[in-house]
Amino acid sequence: MLFFLLRDLGGILGQIGNLGYQINLVLAGFNLIPFAVMDGHKVFAWNKIVWVAVTVPVWLLIALPYILG
């Protein structure tokens, strides 16, 4: 959340915030892949609705800059 808030400051702090936000978003998306050794598998096995409710928005946030160009 701190990185997200830093994004709006501009300058070097804004760049740090943007990079930190992007890195954490990609790590979250990767970790939500439902393979046996990742947390995504545990969540998927526990409750598929919760997994979809968390995974789809994260993956959309990752893909949105590429979709919008």
N, C-alpha and C. Protein backbone atom coordinates (compact mmCIF):
# COMPACT_ATOMS: atom_id res chain seq x y z
N MET A 1 0.82 -1.18 0.00
CA MET A 1 0.00 0.00 0.00
C MET A 1 0.87 1.25 0.00
N LEU A 2 2.01 1.19 0.69
CA LEU A 2 2.92 2.33 0.75
C LEU A 2 3.43 2.69 -0.64
N PHE A 3 3.80 1.69 -1.43
CA PHE A 3 4.27 1.95 -2.79
C PHE A 3 3.18 2.61 -3.63
N PHE A 4 1.96 2.15 -3.47
CA PHE A 4 0.84 2.73 -4.22
C PHE A 4 0.68 4.21 -3.88
N LEU A 5 0.82 4.55 -2.62
CA LEU A 5 0.68 5.94 -2.20
C LEU A 5 1.85 6.80 -2.68
N LEU A 6 3.04 6.22 -2.75
CA LEU A 6 4.21 6.96 -3.20
C LEU A 6 4.15 7.30 -4.69
N ARG A 7 3.40 6.54 -5.46
CA ARG A 7 3.33 6.75 -6.91
C ARG A 7 2.89 8.17 -7.28
N ASP A 8 2.07 8.79 -6.49
CA ASP A 8 1.51 10.11 -6.80
C ASP A 8 2.44 11.27 -6.42
N LEU A 9 3.55 11.00 -5.75
CA LEU A 9 4.40 12.07 -5.28
C LEU A 9 5.27 12.67 -6.38
N GLY A 10 5.54 11.91 -7.41
CA GLY A 10 6.42 12.39 -8.47
C GLY A 10 7.88 12.30 -8.06
N GLY A 11 8.74 12.62 -8.98
CA GLY A 11 10.17 12.58 -8.70
C GLY A 11 10.66 11.18 -8.41
N ILE A 12 11.74 11.10 -7.65
CA ILE A 12 12.36 9.81 -7.33
C ILE A 12 11.45 8.95 -6.45
N LEU A 13 10.73 9.59 -5.53
CA LEU A 13 9.81 8.83 -4.68
C LEU A 13 8.66 8.24 -5.50
N GLY A 14 8.19 8.97 -6.48
CA GLY A 14 7.15 8.45 -7.36
C GLY A 14 7.65 7.28 -8.19
N GLN A 15 8.89 7.36 -8.65
CA GLN A 15 9.46 6.25 -9.42
C GLN A 15 9.65 5.02 -8.55
N ILE A 16 10.13 5.22 -7.33
CA ILE A 16 10.28 4.11 -6.38
C ILE A 16 8.91 3.49 -6.09
N GLY A 17 7.92 4.33 -5.87
CA GLY A 17 6.57 3.84 -5.60
C GLY A 17 6.02 3.06 -6.77
N ASN A 18 6.21 3.55 -7.98
CA ASN A 18 5.70 2.87 -9.17
C ASN A 18 6.38 1.52 -9.36
N LEU A 19 7.70 1.49 -9.23
CA LEU A 19 8.43 0.23 -9.39
C LEU A 19 8.05 -0.78 -8.31
N GLY A 20 7.97 -0.32 -7.07
CA GLY A 20 7.58 -1.21 -5.97
C GLY A 20 6.17 -1.75 -6.14
N TYR A 21 5.26 -0.90 -6.61
CA TYR A 21 3.88 -1.32 -6.86
C TYR A 21 3.84 -2.40 -7.94
N GLN A 22 4.56 -2.16 -9.04
CA GLN A 22 4.56 -3.13 -10.14
C GLN A 22 5.18 -4.46 -9.72
N ILE A 23 6.29 -4.42 -9.00
CA ILE A 23 6.95 -5.64 -8.56
C ILE A 23 6.02 -6.44 -7.65
N ASN A 24 5.40 -5.78 -6.69
CA ASN A 24 4.51 -6.48 -5.76
C ASN A 24 3.28 -7.04 -6.46
N LEU A 25 2.78 -6.33 -7.45
CA LEU A 25 1.62 -6.81 -8.19
C LEU A 25 1.97 -8.08 -8.97
N VAL A 26 3.12 -8.09 -9.63
CA VAL A 26 3.55 -9.27 -10.38
C VAL A 26 3.81 -10.45 -9.43
N LEU A 27 4.42 -10.19 -8.29
CA LEU A 27 4.65 -11.25 -7.31
C LEU A 27 3.33 -11.83 -6.80
N ALA A 28 2.35 -10.96 -6.56
CA ALA A 28 1.04 -11.44 -6.11
C ALA A 28 0.39 -12.29 -7.19
N GLY A 29 0.42 -11.81 -8.44
CA GLY A 29 -0.18 -12.57 -9.54
C GLY A 29 0.50 -13.91 -9.74
N PHE A 30 1.82 -13.93 -9.65
CA PHE A 30 2.56 -15.18 -9.81
C PHE A 30 2.25 -16.14 -8.68
N ASN A 31 2.19 -15.63 -7.46
CA ASN A 31 1.94 -16.48 -6.30
C ASN A 31 0.52 -17.03 -6.29
N LEU A 32 -0.40 -16.40 -7.01
CA LEU A 32 -1.78 -16.88 -7.05
C LEU A 32 -2.02 -17.95 -8.11
N ILE A 33 -1.00 -18.30 -8.86
CA ILE A 33 -1.14 -19.40 -9.82
C ILE A 33 -1.41 -20.68 -9.02
N PRO A 34 -2.43 -21.44 -9.38
CA PRO A 34 -2.82 -22.59 -8.55
C PRO A 34 -1.99 -23.86 -8.79
N PHE A 35 -0.69 -23.76 -8.56
CA PHE A 35 0.18 -24.94 -8.59
C PHE A 35 0.45 -25.37 -7.16
N ALA A 36 0.78 -26.64 -6.98
CA ALA A 36 0.85 -27.26 -5.66
C ALA A 36 1.74 -26.55 -4.65
N VAL A 37 2.83 -25.94 -5.06
CA VAL A 37 3.75 -25.36 -4.08
C VAL A 37 3.46 -23.90 -3.79
N MET A 38 2.49 -23.31 -4.44
CA MET A 38 2.21 -21.89 -4.26
C MET A 38 0.95 -21.67 -3.44
N ASP A 39 0.84 -20.47 -2.89
CA ASP A 39 -0.34 -20.14 -2.08
C ASP A 39 -1.63 -20.17 -2.90
N GLY A 40 -1.52 -19.90 -4.19
CA GLY A 40 -2.70 -19.95 -5.04
C GLY A 40 -3.38 -21.30 -5.02
N HIS A 41 -2.58 -22.35 -4.92
CA HIS A 41 -3.15 -23.70 -4.85
C HIS A 41 -3.90 -23.90 -3.54
N LYS A 42 -3.33 -23.39 -2.46
CA LYS A 42 -3.97 -23.53 -1.15
C LYS A 42 -5.31 -22.78 -1.12
N VAL A 43 -5.31 -21.58 -1.65
CA VAL A 43 -6.55 -20.79 -1.68
C VAL A 43 -7.57 -21.44 -2.61
N PHE A 44 -7.11 -21.90 -3.78
CA PHE A 44 -7.99 -22.55 -4.75
C PHE A 44 -8.62 -23.81 -4.16
N ALA A 45 -7.83 -24.59 -3.42
CA ALA A 45 -8.36 -25.80 -2.79
C ALA A 45 -9.33 -25.46 -1.66
N TRP A 46 -9.08 -24.36 -0.98
CA TRP A 46 -9.93 -23.96 0.14
C TRP A 46 -11.26 -23.39 -0.33
N ASN A 47 -11.20 -22.42 -1.28
CA ASN A 47 -12.42 -21.77 -1.72
C ASN A 47 -12.18 -21.15 -3.10
N LYS A 48 -12.75 -21.75 -4.10
CA LYS A 48 -12.55 -21.31 -5.48
C LYS A 48 -13.11 -19.90 -5.74
N ILE A 49 -14.19 -19.54 -5.07
CA ILE A 49 -14.79 -18.22 -5.25
C ILE A 49 -13.84 -17.14 -4.73
N VAL A 50 -13.25 -17.37 -3.59
CA VAL A 50 -12.29 -16.41 -3.03
C VAL A 50 -11.08 -16.31 -3.95
N TRP A 51 -10.60 -17.45 -4.47
CA TRP A 51 -9.46 -17.44 -5.37
C TRP A 51 -9.76 -16.59 -6.60
N VAL A 52 -10.93 -16.77 -7.21
CA VAL A 52 -11.31 -15.98 -8.38
C VAL A 52 -11.45 -14.51 -8.01
N ALA A 53 -12.06 -14.22 -6.86
CA ALA A 53 -12.28 -12.83 -6.44
C ALA A 53 -10.98 -12.08 -6.20
N VAL A 54 -9.92 -12.78 -5.86
CA VAL A 54 -8.63 -12.14 -5.63
C VAL A 54 -7.76 -12.18 -6.89
N THR A 55 -7.74 -13.31 -7.58
CA THR A 55 -6.84 -13.52 -8.71
C THR A 55 -7.21 -12.69 -9.93
N VAL A 56 -8.47 -12.66 -10.29
CA VAL A 56 -8.89 -11.94 -11.50
C VAL A 56 -8.54 -10.45 -11.42
N PRO A 57 -8.86 -9.75 -10.33
CA PRO A 57 -8.46 -8.33 -10.28
C PRO A 57 -6.94 -8.12 -10.33
N VAL A 58 -6.19 -8.98 -9.67
CA VAL A 58 -4.73 -8.84 -9.70
C VAL A 58 -4.22 -9.02 -11.12
N TRP A 59 -4.66 -10.07 -11.79
CA TRP A 59 -4.20 -10.31 -13.16
C TRP A 59 -4.66 -9.21 -14.11
N LEU A 60 -5.85 -8.66 -13.87
CA LEU A 60 -6.32 -7.55 -14.71
C LEU A 60 -5.47 -6.29 -14.48
N LEU A 61 -5.09 -6.03 -13.25
CA LEU A 61 -4.23 -4.89 -12.97
C LEU A 61 -2.85 -5.05 -13.63
N ILE A 62 -2.38 -6.28 -13.69
CA ILE A 62 -1.10 -6.55 -14.37
C ILE A 62 -1.26 -6.33 -15.87
N ALA A 63 -2.35 -6.81 -16.45
CA ALA A 63 -2.53 -6.77 -17.90
C ALA A 63 -3.03 -5.42 -18.42
N LEU A 64 -3.66 -4.63 -17.58
CA LEU A 64 -4.29 -3.39 -18.03
C LEU A 64 -3.36 -2.45 -18.79
N PRO A 65 -2.14 -2.20 -18.33
CA PRO A 65 -1.26 -1.30 -19.11
C PRO A 65 -0.96 -1.84 -20.52
N TYR A 66 -0.90 -3.15 -20.66
CA TYR A 66 -0.63 -3.74 -21.97
C TYR A 66 -1.87 -3.69 -22.87
N ILE A 67 -3.03 -3.82 -22.25
CA ILE A 67 -4.28 -3.77 -23.02
C ILE A 67 -4.54 -2.35 -23.52
N LEU A 68 -4.31 -1.38 -22.66
CA LEU A 68 -4.57 0.01 -23.03
C LEU A 68 -3.49 0.62 -23.91
N GLY A 69 -2.34 -0.04 -23.95
CA GLY A 69 -1.26 0.42 -24.84
C GLY A 69 -0.45 1.44 -24.23
